[in-house]
Protein backbone atom coordinates (compact mmCIF):
# COMPACT_ATOMS: atom_id res chain seq x y z
CA UNK A 1 91.47 82.30 103.68
CA UNK A 2 87.65 82.34 103.61
CA UNK A 3 85.86 79.19 102.47
CA UNK A 4 85.06 79.33 98.77
CA UNK A 5 87.46 82.21 98.23
CA UNK A 6 87.90 82.90 94.51
CA UNK A 7 90.04 86.02 94.73
CA UNK A 8 93.35 86.45 92.92
CA UNK A 9 96.22 88.13 94.73
CA UNK A 10 97.58 91.28 93.12
CA UNK A 11 100.38 93.22 94.86
CA UNK A 12 101.87 94.59 98.04
CA UNK A 13 102.75 98.25 98.62
CA UNK A 14 105.48 99.90 100.72
CA UNK A 15 105.01 103.64 101.23
CA UNK A 16 106.83 106.50 102.90
CA UNK A 17 109.71 106.09 105.33
CA UNK A 18 113.05 107.79 105.84
CA UNK A 19 116.14 107.27 103.67
CA UNK A 20 118.04 110.21 105.14
CA UNK A 21 115.04 112.43 104.42
CA UNK A 22 111.30 111.80 104.60
CA UNK A 23 109.94 109.81 101.64
CA UNK A 24 106.65 110.25 99.73
CA UNK A 25 107.18 107.45 97.19
CA UNK A 26 105.27 104.16 97.02
CA UNK A 27 106.85 100.91 95.79
CA UNK A 28 104.66 98.09 94.48
CA UNK A 29 105.59 94.39 94.62
CA UNK A 30 103.51 92.53 92.01
CA UNK A 31 102.47 88.98 92.99
CA UNK A 32 103.39 86.22 92.29
CA UNK A 33 106.63 87.14 90.50
CA UNK A 34 107.59 89.70 93.17
CA UNK A 35 108.67 92.33 90.67
CA UNK A 36 108.95 95.93 91.85
CA UNK A 37 107.67 99.11 90.26
CA UNK A 38 107.31 102.59 91.73
CA UNK A 39 103.91 104.30 91.50
CA UNK A 40 103.53 107.64 89.76
CA UNK A 41 101.16 108.51 92.63
CA UNK A 42 102.86 109.54 95.87
CA UNK A 43 101.75 110.20 99.44
CA UNK A 44 100.27 113.65 99.95
CA UNK A 45 103.33 114.51 102.09
CA UNK A 46 106.73 112.96 102.63
CA UNK A 47 106.20 111.03 105.86
CA UNK A 48 107.57 108.34 108.15
CA UNK A 49 106.37 106.37 111.20
CA UNK A 50 102.85 105.90 109.80
CA UNK A 51 100.91 102.68 109.23
CA UNK A 52 98.90 100.96 106.51
CA UNK A 53 95.93 98.65 105.94
CA UNK A 54 93.75 97.61 102.99
CA UNK A 55 90.16 97.08 101.96
CA UNK A 56 91.46 94.34 99.70
CA UNK A 57 90.48 94.61 96.05
CA UNK A 58 89.16 98.15 96.54
CA UNK A 59 91.69 100.45 98.22
CA UNK A 60 94.74 100.64 100.43
CA UNK A 61 95.35 103.28 103.08
CA UNK A 62 98.53 104.95 104.33
CA UNK A 63 97.73 106.53 107.67
CA UNK A 64 99.38 109.34 109.60
CA UNK A 65 103.07 109.52 110.35
CA UNK A 66 105.44 112.39 110.96
CA UNK A 67 104.81 114.83 108.11
CA UNK A 68 101.17 113.85 107.57
CA UNK A 69 99.59 115.66 110.57
CA UNK A 70 97.01 112.88 110.94
CA UNK A 71 96.12 112.72 107.23
CA UNK A 72 94.94 109.44 105.66
CA UNK A 73 95.88 108.78 102.02
CA UNK A 74 93.81 106.30 99.99
CA UNK A 75 95.20 104.32 97.05
CA UNK A 76 92.35 103.19 94.78
CA UNK A 77 92.89 99.66 93.44
CA UNK A 78 93.78 98.60 90.80
CA UNK A 79 94.33 102.05 89.25
CA UNK A 80 96.77 103.05 92.03
CA UNK A 81 95.48 106.62 92.12
CA UNK A 82 95.71 108.58 95.37
CA UNK A 83 93.17 110.72 97.18
CA UNK A 84 93.25 112.04 100.75
CA UNK A 85 90.33 111.40 103.10
CA UNK A 86 88.32 114.20 104.70
CA UNK A 87 88.61 112.21 107.94
CA UNK A 88 91.85 112.72 109.88
CA UNK A 89 93.42 111.40 113.07
CA UNK A 90 93.21 113.61 116.15
CA UNK A 91 95.25 111.39 118.50
CA UNK A 92 98.02 108.92 117.76
CA UNK A 93 99.03 110.70 114.58
CA UNK A 94 102.30 108.74 114.26
CA UNK A 95 103.85 105.46 115.50
CA UNK A 96 100.46 103.71 115.42
CA UNK A 97 99.44 100.24 114.23
CA UNK A 98 96.86 99.32 111.60
CA UNK A 99 94.68 96.31 110.77
CA UNK A 100 91.60 95.77 108.59
CA UNK A 101 88.44 93.72 108.45
CA UNK A 102 88.47 93.73 104.66
CA UNK A 103 85.21 94.91 103.10
CA UNK A 104 84.07 96.42 106.40
CA UNK A 105 86.53 98.71 108.19
CA UNK A 106 90.12 99.54 109.01
CA UNK A 107 91.43 100.06 112.56
CA UNK A 108 94.21 102.35 113.79
CA UNK A 109 95.42 101.68 117.34
CA UNK A 110 97.63 103.61 119.72
CA UNK A 111 100.39 105.93 118.57
CA UNK A 112 101.43 109.36 119.76
CA UNK A 113 101.16 113.02 118.94
CA UNK A 114 103.41 113.95 121.86
CA UNK A 115 101.57 111.75 124.33
CA UNK A 116 100.91 108.05 123.71
CA UNK A 117 97.27 107.00 123.38
CA UNK A 118 95.24 103.84 123.90
CA UNK A 119 92.54 104.94 121.43
CA UNK A 120 91.38 102.71 118.59
CA UNK A 121 90.08 104.58 115.54
CA UNK A 122 87.78 102.88 113.00
CA UNK A 123 87.53 103.86 109.32
CA UNK A 124 84.31 102.36 107.96
CA UNK A 125 84.32 101.32 104.28
CA UNK A 126 83.31 102.42 101.69
CA UNK A 127 82.34 105.90 102.95
CA UNK A 128 85.60 106.17 104.93
CA UNK A 129 83.91 107.71 107.94
CA UNK A 130 85.83 107.84 111.21
CA UNK A 131 84.68 106.83 114.68
CA UNK A 132 86.52 106.05 117.92
CA UNK A 133 85.80 102.72 119.62
CA UNK A 134 84.64 102.58 123.22
CA UNK A 135 87.12 99.70 123.58
CA UNK A 136 90.74 100.78 124.05
CA UNK A 137 94.15 99.15 124.13
CA UNK A 138 95.19 97.75 127.51
CA UNK A 139 97.89 100.45 127.71
CA UNK A 140 98.69 103.67 125.88
CA UNK A 141 101.17 102.35 123.31
CA UNK A 142 103.26 103.31 120.29
CA UNK A 143 105.30 101.37 117.69
CA UNK A 144 103.29 98.18 118.21
CA UNK A 145 102.29 95.59 115.59
CA UNK A 146 98.88 95.15 113.97
CA UNK A 147 97.32 92.39 111.86
CA UNK A 148 93.88 90.86 111.28
CA UNK A 149 92.08 87.60 110.70
CA UNK A 150 89.64 89.27 108.30
CA UNK A 151 85.99 88.75 109.21
CA UNK A 152 86.92 87.56 112.71
CA UNK A 153 89.27 89.81 114.70
CA UNK A 154 92.12 92.30 114.68
CA UNK A 155 95.22 92.02 116.87
CA UNK A 156 97.60 94.62 118.33
CA UNK A 157 100.80 93.19 119.79
CA UNK A 158 103.76 94.50 121.77
CA UNK A 159 104.78 98.13 121.62
CA UNK A 160 106.37 100.81 123.72
CA UNK A 161 104.68 101.82 126.96
CA UNK A 162 107.21 104.27 128.36
CA UNK A 163 110.83 104.51 129.46
CA UNK A 164 112.13 101.84 129.54
CA UNK A 165 109.12 99.58 129.10
CA UNK A 166 108.32 97.47 126.06
CA UNK A 167 105.33 95.15 126.36
CA UNK A 168 104.68 91.57 125.20
CA UNK A 169 100.89 91.52 125.48
CA UNK A 170 98.43 91.07 122.61
CA UNK A 171 95.02 92.77 122.50
CA UNK A 172 92.26 91.28 120.31
CA UNK A 173 89.36 93.26 118.80
CA UNK A 174 86.54 90.87 117.88
CA UNK A 175 84.47 91.79 114.81
CA UNK A 176 81.80 93.06 114.32
CA UNK A 177 81.08 94.08 117.94
CA UNK A 178 84.58 95.58 118.33
CA UNK A 179 84.98 94.22 121.84
CA UNK A 180 88.47 93.86 123.31
CA UNK A 181 90.02 90.90 125.08
CA UNK A 182 93.64 90.19 126.01
CA UNK A 183 95.25 86.96 124.78
CA UNK A 184 96.81 84.58 127.29
CA UNK A 185 99.55 84.10 124.68
CA UNK A 186 102.22 86.81 124.56
CA UNK A 187 105.15 87.63 122.30
CA UNK A 188 108.33 85.69 123.05
CA UNK A 189 109.91 88.91 124.38
CA UNK A 190 108.56 92.37 125.18
CA UNK A 191 109.39 94.38 122.07
CA UNK A 192 108.56 97.34 119.87
CA UNK A 193 109.12 98.56 116.27
CA UNK A 194 108.18 95.28 114.57
CA UNK A 195 106.88 94.26 111.15
CA UNK A 196 103.63 92.29 111.07
CA UNK A 197 101.22 90.64 108.66
CA UNK A 198 98.57 87.89 108.53
CA UNK A 199 97.77 84.83 106.49
CA UNK A 200 94.06 85.51 107.01
CA UNK A 201 92.16 82.52 108.34
CA UNK A 202 95.39 80.81 109.37
CA UNK A 203 97.82 82.89 111.43
CA UNK A 204 99.34 86.28 112.18
CA UNK A 205 103.08 86.98 112.24
CA UNK A 206 105.16 89.47 114.26
CA UNK A 207 108.71 89.74 112.93
CA UNK A 208 111.91 91.36 114.22
CA UNK A 209 111.82 94.54 116.34
CA UNK A 210 113.72 95.70 119.40
CA UNK A 211 113.68 94.35 122.94
CA UNK A 212 117.07 94.91 124.58
CA UNK A 213 118.65 94.60 121.14
CA UNK A 214 117.73 94.07 117.50
CA UNK A 215 115.68 90.92 116.72
CA UNK A 216 115.60 88.51 113.77
CA UNK A 217 113.00 86.10 115.19
CA UNK A 218 109.36 85.71 114.14
CA UNK A 219 106.40 84.88 116.41
CA UNK A 220 103.30 83.23 114.95
CA UNK A 221 99.75 83.50 116.39
CA UNK A 222 97.70 80.61 115.04
CA UNK A 223 93.96 81.25 114.50
CA UNK A 224 91.40 80.62 115.93
CA UNK A 225 92.94 79.33 119.17
CA UNK A 226 95.40 82.25 119.27
CA UNK A 227 98.29 80.08 120.36
CA UNK A 228 101.82 81.42 119.95
CA UNK A 229 104.84 79.65 118.52
CA UNK A 230 108.20 81.03 117.40
CA UNK A 231 109.39 80.05 113.93
CA UNK A 232 112.55 78.01 113.53
CA UNK A 233 113.35 80.18 110.52
CA UNK A 234 114.55 83.72 111.19
CA UNK A 235 115.16 86.77 109.04
CA UNK A 236 118.60 86.90 107.43
CA UNK A 237 119.64 89.66 109.83
CA UNK A 238 118.21 91.49 112.84
CA UNK A 239 116.23 94.62 112.01
CA UNK A 240 113.64 97.06 113.40
CA UNK A 241 111.44 99.97 112.31
CA UNK A 242 110.26 98.29 109.11
CA UNK A 243 106.90 97.09 107.82
CA UNK A 244 105.17 93.95 106.65
CA UNK A 245 102.30 92.85 104.40
CA UNK A 246 101.00 89.50 103.15
CA UNK A 247 99.62 87.79 100.08
CA UNK A 248 97.10 85.71 102.05
CA UNK A 249 97.46 82.00 101.41
CA UNK A 250 100.85 82.47 99.75
CA UNK A 251 103.47 84.49 101.65
CA UNK A 252 104.29 87.38 103.95
CA UNK A 253 106.83 90.10 103.17
CA UNK A 254 109.09 92.20 105.43
CA UNK A 255 110.68 95.28 103.84
CA UNK A 256 113.11 98.02 104.78
CA UNK A 257 114.09 98.99 108.32
CA UNK A 258 117.27 99.57 110.27
CA UNK A 259 119.92 96.87 110.73
CA UNK A 260 121.80 96.36 113.99
CA UNK A 261 124.45 98.84 112.86
CA UNK A 262 121.71 101.47 112.63
CA UNK A 263 121.85 101.67 108.81
CA UNK A 264 118.74 101.77 106.64
CA UNK A 265 118.19 98.75 104.37
CA UNK A 266 116.31 98.22 101.10
CA UNK A 267 115.94 94.43 101.17
CA UNK A 268 112.64 92.51 101.23
CA UNK A 269 112.35 89.06 102.82
CA UNK A 270 109.56 86.60 102.04
CA UNK A 271 107.97 84.08 104.41
CA UNK A 272 106.34 81.33 102.31
CA UNK A 273 103.09 79.89 103.76
CA UNK A 274 102.41 77.35 105.18
CA UNK A 275 105.96 76.02 105.55
CA UNK A 276 107.18 79.38 106.92
CA UNK A 277 110.45 79.21 105.00
CA UNK A 278 112.29 82.45 104.31
CA UNK A 279 113.94 83.75 101.15
CA UNK A 280 115.24 87.17 100.11
CA UNK A 281 113.76 88.84 97.02
CA UNK A 282 115.98 90.03 94.20
CA UNK A 283 113.68 93.09 94.06
CA UNK A 284 114.47 95.80 96.61
CA UNK A 285 112.88 99.07 97.70
CA UNK A 286 113.78 102.09 95.55
CA UNK A 287 115.99 103.41 98.36
CA UNK A 288 117.20 101.99 101.64
CA UNK A 289 114.67 103.26 104.17
CA UNK A 290 113.23 102.73 107.64
CA UNK A 291 109.98 103.78 109.36
CA UNK A 292 107.89 102.82 106.29
CA UNK A 293 104.31 101.50 106.07
CA UNK A 294 102.75 98.70 104.01
CA UNK A 295 99.55 97.00 102.89
CA UNK A 296 98.59 94.30 100.36
CA UNK A 297 95.91 93.91 97.70
CA UNK A 298 94.82 90.27 97.84
CA UNK A 299 91.75 90.80 95.68
CA UNK A 300 88.15 90.65 96.91
CA UNK A 301 87.49 88.51 100.00
């Protein structure tokens, strides 16, 4: 959390997904009581396998996915009204990862629209203009994880390179120059289809996913040294194809996904910072769903 931070955390949002059919609804988890409501606003199309990020205190973004054709929906905070950007994705329109330098720009990395890409797209706030970085991911990837240490760097971890290759590497995009380096630390196993979030200023988390089977473990990348540890605590069951968001300084949340039997789930698990203990919320998503996206409104940084 930035020095002198006076923000107040607000809520996390889970949008889209698949519950047997594509979903357009958006669930809101109000902090700190973790109560759930469902927005009257919906995504512009029912969609799954998109991503999310937030310009905290101003707007959240649900990006791409199957059904969106590269569209980017914007949820204005705190009114929770939805508009759709004029800017669209041209590559990596689904299965991408997102991260944001809050107050400055959001980043969309990798993904596929039939062919995987290594492109990194930048959405500059507040005009929401789109550019493509000269820096690229180390490999063309899809279903990787994204998170950011706001004001410092964004991270893109793991992902799917091609049959049968998952990767364990972590690329780092340093702000504001948007230069890319590769961490010496890697995920504990090569994996894809993870949930991720960051306790900005402290650490990023990559939870669950799929390597050679479903995963319940959680890797932690501690800032600024970017060292990796694996939490003693694990999720209550192995899952994949879900999403994560965080109330910076308080807790991270992992919601939805598929369990190891291949069934969609509605549960939301909470990782309390800094102890990294895990509990399960009484609140659940409106329907059991996988392939969803998420972001959090942590107020103004």
